[in-house]
Amino acid sequence: MRRIPFFKLLAILQIAMLARRHLQGLTREDRRRMAELVRHGHQLTRDERRELRELAAKLEPGAFARAAARQAMPFGGKAKRAR
């Protein structure tokens, strides 16, 4: 494995832990179903795509993105808010 600077590695691991916390917000059945739907990829029916969107919404992607941005900028950087 190529050497990764320590602070980059630390940021990657912190974001991975953050993602894990968000995934734990789903029930075991929701996580199983999401994984099943994702594995089917482009072959999903319209109803399955809707179901996947609903499951993804439960992950609070906006909150995850904001928290990940804060993790990536640990020294006081501020992410610009989309308007």
N, C-alpha and C. Protein backbone atom coordinates (compact mmCIF):
# COMPACT_ATOMS: atom_id res chain seq x y z
N MET A 1 0.85 -1.18 0.00
CA MET A 1 0.00 0.00 0.00
C MET A 1 0.89 1.24 0.00
N ARG A 2 0.52 2.18 -0.81
CA ARG A 2 1.24 3.44 -0.88
C ARG A 2 1.09 4.19 0.44
N ARG A 3 2.12 4.88 0.85
CA ARG A 3 2.05 5.63 2.11
C ARG A 3 1.07 6.79 1.98
N ILE A 4 0.21 6.89 2.96
CA ILE A 4 -0.76 7.98 3.01
C ILE A 4 -0.35 8.86 4.18
N PRO A 5 -0.29 10.18 3.98
CA PRO A 5 0.05 11.06 5.09
C PRO A 5 -0.91 10.82 6.27
N PHE A 6 -0.37 10.89 7.47
CA PHE A 6 -1.12 10.55 8.67
C PHE A 6 -2.43 11.31 8.78
N PHE A 7 -2.43 12.61 8.54
CA PHE A 7 -3.65 13.39 8.71
C PHE A 7 -4.72 13.03 7.68
N LYS A 8 -4.31 12.66 6.47
CA LYS A 8 -5.27 12.20 5.47
C LYS A 8 -5.87 10.87 5.91
N LEU A 9 -5.02 9.97 6.39
CA LEU A 9 -5.50 8.68 6.88
C LEU A 9 -6.47 8.88 8.03
N LEU A 10 -6.14 9.77 8.94
CA LEU A 10 -7.00 10.06 10.08
C LEU A 10 -8.36 10.59 9.60
N ALA A 11 -8.36 11.50 8.64
CA ALA A 11 -9.61 12.06 8.11
C ALA A 11 -10.44 10.97 7.44
N ILE A 12 -9.80 10.09 6.67
CA ILE A 12 -10.52 9.00 6.01
C ILE A 12 -11.18 8.09 7.04
N LEU A 13 -10.44 7.74 8.08
CA LEU A 13 -10.99 6.87 9.11
C LEU A 13 -12.12 7.53 9.89
N GLN A 14 -12.00 8.82 10.15
CA GLN A 14 -13.06 9.54 10.86
C GLN A 14 -14.33 9.58 10.01
N ILE A 15 -14.18 9.79 8.72
CA ILE A 15 -15.35 9.81 7.83
C ILE A 15 -15.96 8.42 7.73
N ALA A 16 -15.14 7.37 7.72
CA ALA A 16 -15.66 6.00 7.70
C ALA A 16 -16.47 5.73 8.97
N MET A 17 -15.98 6.19 10.10
CA MET A 17 -16.72 6.01 11.35
C MET A 17 -18.03 6.80 11.34
N LEU A 18 -18.00 7.97 10.76
CA LEU A 18 -19.20 8.79 10.62
C LEU A 18 -20.23 8.07 9.75
N ALA A 19 -19.77 7.49 8.64
CA ALA A 19 -20.67 6.75 7.75
C ALA A 19 -21.28 5.57 8.50
N ARG A 20 -20.48 4.90 9.28
CA ARG A 20 -20.99 3.76 10.06
C ARG A 20 -22.09 4.21 11.01
N ARG A 21 -21.89 5.34 11.69
CA ARG A 21 -22.92 5.85 12.61
C ARG A 21 -24.21 6.15 11.86
N HIS A 22 -24.11 6.71 10.67
CA HIS A 22 -25.32 7.01 9.88
C HIS A 22 -26.00 5.72 9.45
N LEU A 23 -25.23 4.73 9.03
CA LEU A 23 -25.82 3.45 8.63
C LEU A 23 -26.51 2.77 9.80
N GLN A 24 -26.00 2.94 11.00
CA GLN A 24 -26.62 2.33 12.17
C GLN A 24 -27.96 2.98 12.50
N GLY A 25 -28.26 4.10 11.86
CA GLY A 25 -29.57 4.73 12.03
C GLY A 25 -30.68 3.95 11.34
N LEU A 26 -30.30 3.03 10.47
CA LEU A 26 -31.27 2.17 9.80
C LEU A 26 -31.45 0.89 10.60
N THR A 27 -32.60 0.27 10.46
CA THR A 27 -32.80 -1.03 11.09
C THR A 27 -31.98 -2.07 10.34
N ARG A 28 -31.79 -3.22 10.95
CA ARG A 28 -31.05 -4.31 10.30
C ARG A 28 -31.74 -4.69 8.99
N GLU A 29 -33.07 -4.72 8.99
CA GLU A 29 -33.81 -5.07 7.77
C GLU A 29 -33.61 -4.02 6.68
N ASP A 30 -33.61 -2.74 7.09
CA ASP A 30 -33.39 -1.65 6.11
C ASP A 30 -31.99 -1.75 5.51
N ARG A 31 -30.98 -2.01 6.35
CA ARG A 31 -29.61 -2.15 5.83
C ARG A 31 -29.49 -3.33 4.87
N ARG A 32 -30.13 -4.44 5.23
CA ARG A 32 -30.10 -5.63 4.37
C ARG A 32 -30.77 -5.32 3.03
N ARG A 33 -31.93 -4.69 3.10
CA ARG A 33 -32.67 -4.38 1.87
C ARG A 33 -31.91 -3.38 1.01
N MET A 34 -31.29 -2.37 1.64
CA MET A 34 -30.52 -1.39 0.88
C MET A 34 -29.36 -2.07 0.15
N ALA A 35 -28.66 -2.96 0.84
CA ALA A 35 -27.55 -3.67 0.22
C ALA A 35 -28.05 -4.51 -0.96
N GLU A 36 -29.18 -5.15 -0.78
CA GLU A 36 -29.77 -5.97 -1.85
C GLU A 36 -30.10 -5.11 -3.07
N LEU A 37 -30.72 -3.98 -2.83
CA LEU A 37 -31.09 -3.09 -3.93
C LEU A 37 -29.85 -2.52 -4.63
N VAL A 38 -28.86 -2.14 -3.87
CA VAL A 38 -27.64 -1.57 -4.45
C VAL A 38 -26.93 -2.60 -5.33
N ARG A 39 -26.93 -3.86 -4.89
CA ARG A 39 -26.27 -4.91 -5.69
C ARG A 39 -26.94 -5.08 -7.05
N HIS A 40 -28.23 -4.79 -7.14
CA HIS A 40 -28.93 -4.94 -8.43
C HIS A 40 -28.70 -3.75 -9.36
N GLY A 41 -28.25 -2.65 -8.80
CA GLY A 41 -27.84 -1.49 -9.60
C GLY A 41 -28.84 -1.03 -10.63
N HIS A 42 -28.44 -1.08 -11.88
CA HIS A 42 -29.24 -0.52 -12.99
C HIS A 42 -30.46 -1.37 -13.33
N GLN A 43 -30.59 -2.53 -12.74
CA GLN A 43 -31.70 -3.42 -13.08
C GLN A 43 -32.91 -3.24 -12.16
N LEU A 44 -32.94 -2.18 -11.40
CA LEU A 44 -34.03 -1.96 -10.46
C LEU A 44 -35.30 -1.52 -11.19
N THR A 45 -36.44 -1.95 -10.65
CA THR A 45 -37.72 -1.48 -11.17
C THR A 45 -37.97 -0.07 -10.64
N ARG A 46 -38.99 0.57 -11.14
CA ARG A 46 -39.34 1.92 -10.69
C ARG A 46 -39.65 1.90 -9.19
N ASP A 47 -40.39 0.89 -8.72
CA ASP A 47 -40.73 0.80 -7.30
C ASP A 47 -39.49 0.55 -6.44
N GLU A 48 -38.57 -0.27 -6.93
CA GLU A 48 -37.33 -0.52 -6.19
C GLU A 48 -36.47 0.73 -6.11
N ARG A 49 -36.45 1.53 -7.17
CA ARG A 49 -35.70 2.79 -7.13
C ARG A 49 -36.30 3.75 -6.12
N ARG A 50 -37.63 3.79 -6.06
CA ARG A 50 -38.31 4.63 -5.08
C ARG A 50 -37.96 4.16 -3.66
N GLU A 51 -38.00 2.84 -3.46
CA GLU A 51 -37.66 2.27 -2.16
C GLU A 51 -36.22 2.62 -1.76
N LEU A 52 -35.30 2.54 -2.71
CA LEU A 52 -33.90 2.86 -2.44
C LEU A 52 -33.75 4.34 -2.08
N ARG A 53 -34.47 5.22 -2.78
CA ARG A 53 -34.43 6.65 -2.45
C ARG A 53 -34.95 6.90 -1.04
N GLU A 54 -36.02 6.20 -0.67
CA GLU A 54 -36.59 6.36 0.67
C GLU A 54 -35.61 5.88 1.74
N LEU A 55 -34.94 4.76 1.49
CA LEU A 55 -33.95 4.26 2.43
C LEU A 55 -32.77 5.23 2.54
N ALA A 56 -32.33 5.75 1.41
CA ALA A 56 -31.21 6.70 1.40
C ALA A 56 -31.57 7.97 2.17
N ALA A 57 -32.82 8.41 2.07
CA ALA A 57 -33.25 9.61 2.78
C ALA A 57 -33.16 9.41 4.29
N LYS A 58 -33.38 8.18 4.76
CA LYS A 58 -33.28 7.89 6.19
C LYS A 58 -31.85 8.07 6.70
N LEU A 59 -30.87 8.01 5.81
CA LEU A 59 -29.47 8.18 6.19
C LEU A 59 -29.10 9.64 6.43
N GLU A 60 -30.02 10.55 6.12
CA GLU A 60 -29.79 11.98 6.26
C GLU A 60 -28.53 12.40 5.52
N PRO A 61 -28.52 12.29 4.18
CA PRO A 61 -27.30 12.58 3.42
C PRO A 61 -26.78 14.00 3.59
N GLY A 62 -27.66 14.97 3.79
CA GLY A 62 -27.21 16.35 3.99
C GLY A 62 -26.42 16.49 5.29
N ALA A 63 -26.93 15.89 6.35
CA ALA A 63 -26.24 15.94 7.64
C ALA A 63 -24.91 15.20 7.54
N PHE A 64 -24.90 14.08 6.83
CA PHE A 64 -23.65 13.34 6.65
C PHE A 64 -22.63 14.18 5.89
N ALA A 65 -23.07 14.82 4.81
CA ALA A 65 -22.15 15.63 4.00
C ALA A 65 -21.56 16.78 4.81
N ARG A 66 -22.41 17.45 5.61
CA ARG A 66 -21.90 18.56 6.43
C ARG A 66 -20.89 18.05 7.46
N ALA A 67 -21.22 16.94 8.12
CA ALA A 67 -20.31 16.40 9.13
C ALA A 67 -19.00 15.92 8.48
N ALA A 68 -19.10 15.31 7.30
CA ALA A 68 -17.90 14.85 6.61
C ALA A 68 -17.03 16.04 6.20
N ALA A 69 -17.66 17.12 5.77
CA ALA A 69 -16.90 18.32 5.40
C ALA A 69 -16.18 18.88 6.62
N ARG A 70 -16.85 18.87 7.78
CA ARG A 70 -16.19 19.34 9.01
C ARG A 70 -15.01 18.45 9.36
N GLN A 71 -15.16 17.14 9.15
CA GLN A 71 -14.06 16.21 9.43
C GLN A 71 -12.89 16.45 8.49
N ALA A 72 -13.18 16.77 7.24
CA ALA A 72 -12.14 16.97 6.24
C ALA A 72 -11.41 18.29 6.43
N MET A 73 -12.03 19.24 7.15
CA MET A 73 -11.41 20.54 7.39
C MET A 73 -11.28 20.76 8.90
N PRO A 74 -10.41 19.99 9.55
CA PRO A 74 -10.36 20.03 11.02
C PRO A 74 -9.76 21.31 11.61
N PHE A 75 -9.17 22.15 10.81
CA PHE A 75 -8.48 23.32 11.35
C PHE A 75 -9.25 24.61 11.13
N GLY A 76 -10.56 24.55 11.28
CA GLY A 76 -11.35 25.76 11.25
C GLY A 76 -11.85 26.19 9.90
N GLY A 77 -11.66 25.37 8.86
CA GLY A 77 -12.20 25.73 7.57
C GLY A 77 -13.71 25.68 7.60
N LYS A 78 -14.35 26.52 6.83
CA LYS A 78 -15.81 26.53 6.82
C LYS A 78 -16.29 26.15 5.43
N ALA A 79 -17.18 25.17 5.38
CA ALA A 79 -17.77 24.79 4.10
C ALA A 79 -18.83 25.81 3.73
N LYS A 80 -18.90 26.18 2.46
CA LYS A 80 -19.92 27.12 2.00
C LYS A 80 -21.24 26.37 1.90
N ARG A 81 -22.29 27.03 2.31
CA ARG A 81 -23.62 26.43 2.23
C ARG A 81 -24.19 26.67 0.84
N ALA A 82 -24.78 25.61 0.28
CA ALA A 82 -25.45 25.74 -1.02
C ALA A 82 -26.75 26.49 -0.80
N ARG A 83 -27.07 27.36 -1.71
CA ARG A 83 -28.32 28.12 -1.60
C ARG A 83 -29.28 27.72 -2.66
